[in-house]
Amino acid sequence: MSDRGTYCAGQLAVTTADNEMAPSQWVSAPHVAMTSTGEVCLDLSETYWDLARTEETPTGLLLILRKYPDSSREVVVSVDPASGLLSIGGKPVASSALERALDVSE
């Protein structure tokens, strides 16, 4: 895994699994954990979801994702650093249902 850094005053650690999907076509699949407990908030490391970029907001961290191979459309996942809860478009999503919710949002 590649270290992408810590966010939200060091509360969240973001790493990526760099997966080669085709010759010279890479996906940096994200993994987010709470630094204080090690609890995993989000793990897409074995998926086709690519972390395009991250943005810190006053209330948390935004992960801007694109799905390989059609990387033209972005989906934004919000992570609350206090609780580790996830949301897409303001709607809460359980981490166990995240991949399915991403596919529906796509």
C-alpha atoms as a PDB file:
ATOM      1  CA  MET A   1       0.000   0.000   0.000  1.00  0.00           C
ATOM      2  CA  SER A   2       1.074   3.542  -0.738  1.00  0.00           C
ATOM      3  CA  ASP A   3       0.768   6.175   1.983  1.00  0.00           C
ATOM      4  CA  ARG A   4      -1.350   9.143   0.877  1.00  0.00           C
ATOM      5  CA  GLY A   5      -1.123  10.909   4.267  1.00  0.00           C
ATOM      6  CA  THR A   6      -3.164  11.819   7.294  1.00  0.00           C
ATOM      7  CA  TYR A   7      -6.106  14.204   7.253  1.00  0.00           C
ATOM      8  CA  CYS A   8      -8.461  16.019   9.600  1.00  0.00           C
ATOM      9  CA  ALA A   9      -5.823  16.967  12.182  1.00  0.00           C
ATOM     10  CA  GLY A  10      -4.296  13.499  11.988  1.00  0.00           C
ATOM     11  CA  GLN A  11      -7.542  11.630  12.708  1.00  0.00           C
ATOM     12  CA  LEU A  12      -7.754   9.761   9.381  1.00  0.00           C
ATOM     13  CA  ALA A  13      -4.997   7.878   7.547  1.00  0.00           C
ATOM     14  CA  VAL A  14      -5.394   7.306   3.816  1.00  0.00           C
ATOM     15  CA  THR A  15      -3.442   4.679   1.908  1.00  0.00           C
ATOM     16  CA  THR A  16      -3.947   3.218  -1.544  1.00  0.00           C
ATOM     17  CA  ALA A  17      -3.414  -0.177  -3.116  1.00  0.00           C
ATOM     18  CA  ASP A  18      -1.929   0.373  -6.548  1.00  0.00           C
ATOM     19  CA  ASN A  19      -3.433  -2.283  -8.818  1.00  0.00           C
ATOM     20  CA  GLU A  20      -2.467  -2.726 -12.459  1.00  0.00           C
ATOM     21  CA  MET A  21      -5.734  -3.276 -14.319  1.00  0.00           C
ATOM     22  CA  ALA A  22      -4.182  -3.492 -17.791  1.00  0.00           C
ATOM     23  CA  PRO A  23      -0.714  -2.786 -19.182  1.00  0.00           C
ATOM     24  CA  SER A  24       0.229   0.682 -17.908  1.00  0.00           C
ATOM     25  CA  GLN A  25      -3.279   1.323 -16.510  1.00  0.00           C
ATOM     26  CA  TRP A  26      -3.269   1.646 -12.737  1.00  0.00           C
ATOM     27  CA  VAL A  27      -5.989   2.069 -10.131  1.00  0.00           C
ATOM     28  CA  SER A  28      -5.098   3.553  -6.732  1.00  0.00           C
ATOM     29  CA  ALA A  29      -7.810   1.942  -4.618  1.00  0.00           C
ATOM     30  CA  PRO A  30      -8.322   3.710  -1.259  1.00  0.00           C
ATOM     31  CA  HIS A  31      -8.197   2.463   2.313  1.00  0.00           C
ATOM     32  CA  VAL A  32      -9.100   4.839   5.181  1.00  0.00           C
ATOM     33  CA  ALA A  33      -8.572   4.150   8.886  1.00  0.00           C
ATOM     34  CA  MET A  34      -8.987   6.053  12.150  1.00  0.00           C
ATOM     35  CA  THR A  35      -5.474   6.732  13.435  1.00  0.00           C
ATOM     36  CA  SER A  36      -6.460   6.590  17.116  1.00  0.00           C
ATOM     37  CA  THR A  37      -7.979   3.097  16.994  1.00  0.00           C
ATOM     38  CA  GLY A  38      -6.889   1.592  13.677  1.00  0.00           C
ATOM     39  CA  GLU A  39     -10.562   1.004  12.871  1.00  0.00           C
ATOM     40  CA  VAL A  40     -11.085   0.744   9.117  1.00  0.00           C
ATOM     41  CA  CYS A  41     -13.659   3.242   7.853  1.00  0.00           C
ATOM     42  CA  LEU A  42     -13.392   2.366   4.179  1.00  0.00           C
ATOM     43  CA  ASP A  43     -11.567  -0.364   2.289  1.00  0.00           C
ATOM     44  CA  LEU A  44     -11.803  -0.437  -1.490  1.00  0.00           C
ATOM     45  CA  SER A  45      -8.304  -1.876  -1.927  1.00  0.00           C
ATOM     46  CA  GLU A  46      -9.572  -4.927  -3.837  1.00  0.00           C
ATOM     47  CA  THR A  47     -11.902  -3.015  -6.163  1.00  0.00           C
ATOM     48  CA  TYR A  48     -11.896  -1.069  -9.417  1.00  0.00           C
ATOM     49  CA  TRP A  49     -12.441   2.252  -7.592  1.00  0.00           C
ATOM     50  CA  ASP A  50      -9.634   4.780  -8.084  1.00  0.00           C
ATOM     51  CA  LEU A  51      -8.910   7.599  -5.641  1.00  0.00           C
ATOM     52  CA  ALA A  52      -8.729  10.624  -7.938  1.00  0.00           C
ATOM     53  CA  ARG A  53      -8.156  13.108  -5.108  1.00  0.00           C
ATOM     54  CA  THR A  54      -8.980  14.030  -1.519  1.00  0.00           C
ATOM     55  CA  GLU A  55     -10.354  17.274  -0.102  1.00  0.00           C
ATOM     56  CA  GLU A  56     -10.558  18.309   3.531  1.00  0.00           C
ATOM     57  CA  THR A  57     -13.671  20.198   4.586  1.00  0.00           C
ATOM     58  CA  PRO A  58     -14.575  21.760   7.947  1.00  0.00           C
ATOM     59  CA  THR A  59     -16.638  18.647   8.736  1.00  0.00           C
ATOM     60  CA  GLY A  60     -14.491  15.852   7.340  1.00  0.00           C
ATOM     61  CA  LEU A  61     -12.742  14.334   4.387  1.00  0.00           C
ATOM     62  CA  LEU A  62     -14.036  13.953   0.843  1.00  0.00           C
ATOM     63  CA  LEU A  63     -12.765  11.125  -1.338  1.00  0.00           C
ATOM     64  CA  ILE A  64     -13.331  11.734  -5.019  1.00  0.00           C
ATOM     65  CA  LEU A  65     -13.510   8.335  -6.713  1.00  0.00           C
ATOM     66  CA  ARG A  66     -13.683   7.084 -10.282  1.00  0.00           C
ATOM     67  CA  LYS A  67     -14.419   3.536 -11.352  1.00  0.00           C
ATOM     68  CA  TYR A  68     -12.153   1.796 -13.843  1.00  0.00           C
ATOM     69  CA  PRO A  69     -12.482   1.548 -16.818  1.00  0.00           C
ATOM     70  CA  ASP A  70     -15.000   4.418 -17.234  1.00  0.00           C
ATOM     71  CA  SER A  71     -13.199   7.104 -15.281  1.00  0.00           C
ATOM     72  CA  SER A  72     -15.201  10.018 -16.668  1.00  0.00           C
ATOM     73  CA  ARG A  73     -17.744  10.096 -13.823  1.00  0.00           C
ATOM     74  CA  GLU A  74     -16.792  10.933 -10.243  1.00  0.00           C
ATOM     75  CA  VAL A  75     -18.500   9.824  -7.036  1.00  0.00           C
ATOM     76  CA  VAL A  76     -17.807  11.655  -3.780  1.00  0.00           C
ATOM     77  CA  VAL A  77     -17.639   9.781  -0.475  1.00  0.00           C
ATOM     78  CA  SER A  78     -17.566  11.802   2.737  1.00  0.00           C
ATOM     79  CA  VAL A  79     -15.829  10.479   5.861  1.00  0.00           C
ATOM     80  CA  ASP A  80     -16.656  11.940   9.278  1.00  0.00           C
ATOM     81  CA  PRO A  81     -13.379  11.978  11.242  1.00  0.00           C
ATOM     82  CA  ALA A  82     -15.070  11.901  14.652  1.00  0.00           C
ATOM     83  CA  SER A  83     -17.082   8.749  14.014  1.00  0.00           C
ATOM     84  CA  GLY A  84     -15.652   7.209  10.843  1.00  0.00           C
ATOM     85  CA  LEU A  85     -19.134   7.221   9.303  1.00  0.00           C
ATOM     86  CA  LEU A  86     -19.451   7.361   5.520  1.00  0.00           C
ATOM     87  CA  SER A  87     -21.943   9.124   3.279  1.00  0.00           C
ATOM     88  CA  ILE A  88     -22.597   9.562  -0.434  1.00  0.00           C
ATOM     89  CA  GLY A  89     -24.573  12.622  -1.467  1.00  0.00           C
ATOM     90  CA  GLY A  90     -25.402  13.316   2.181  1.00  0.00           C
ATOM     91  CA  LYS A  91     -26.938   9.872   2.678  1.00  0.00           C
ATOM     92  CA  PRO A  92     -25.294   7.624   5.303  1.00  0.00           C
ATOM     93  CA  VAL A  93     -23.785   4.394   3.976  1.00  0.00           C
ATOM     94  CA  ALA A  94     -22.557   1.431   6.016  1.00  0.00           C
ATOM     95  CA  SER A  95     -18.981   0.490   5.158  1.00  0.00           C
ATOM     96  CA  SER A  96     -20.159  -3.055   4.428  1.00  0.00           C
ATOM     97  CA  ALA A  97     -22.563  -1.705   1.772  1.00  0.00           C
ATOM     98  CA  LEU A  98     -20.240   0.938   0.319  1.00  0.00           C
ATOM     99  CA  GLU A  99     -19.202  -0.804  -2.883  1.00  0.00           C
ATOM    100  CA  ARG A 100     -22.818  -1.548  -3.829  1.00  0.00           C
ATOM    101  CA  ALA A 101     -23.850   2.045  -2.987  1.00  0.00           C
ATOM    102  CA  LEU A 102     -21.002   3.364  -5.157  1.00  0.00           C
ATOM    103  CA  ASP A 103     -22.152   1.255  -8.086  1.00  0.00           C
ATOM    104  CA  VAL A 104     -25.705   2.609  -7.732  1.00  0.00           C
ATOM    105  CA  SER A 105     -24.399   6.219  -7.497  1.00  0.00           C
ATOM    106  CA  GLU A 106     -22.283   5.824 -10.590  1.00  0.00           C
END
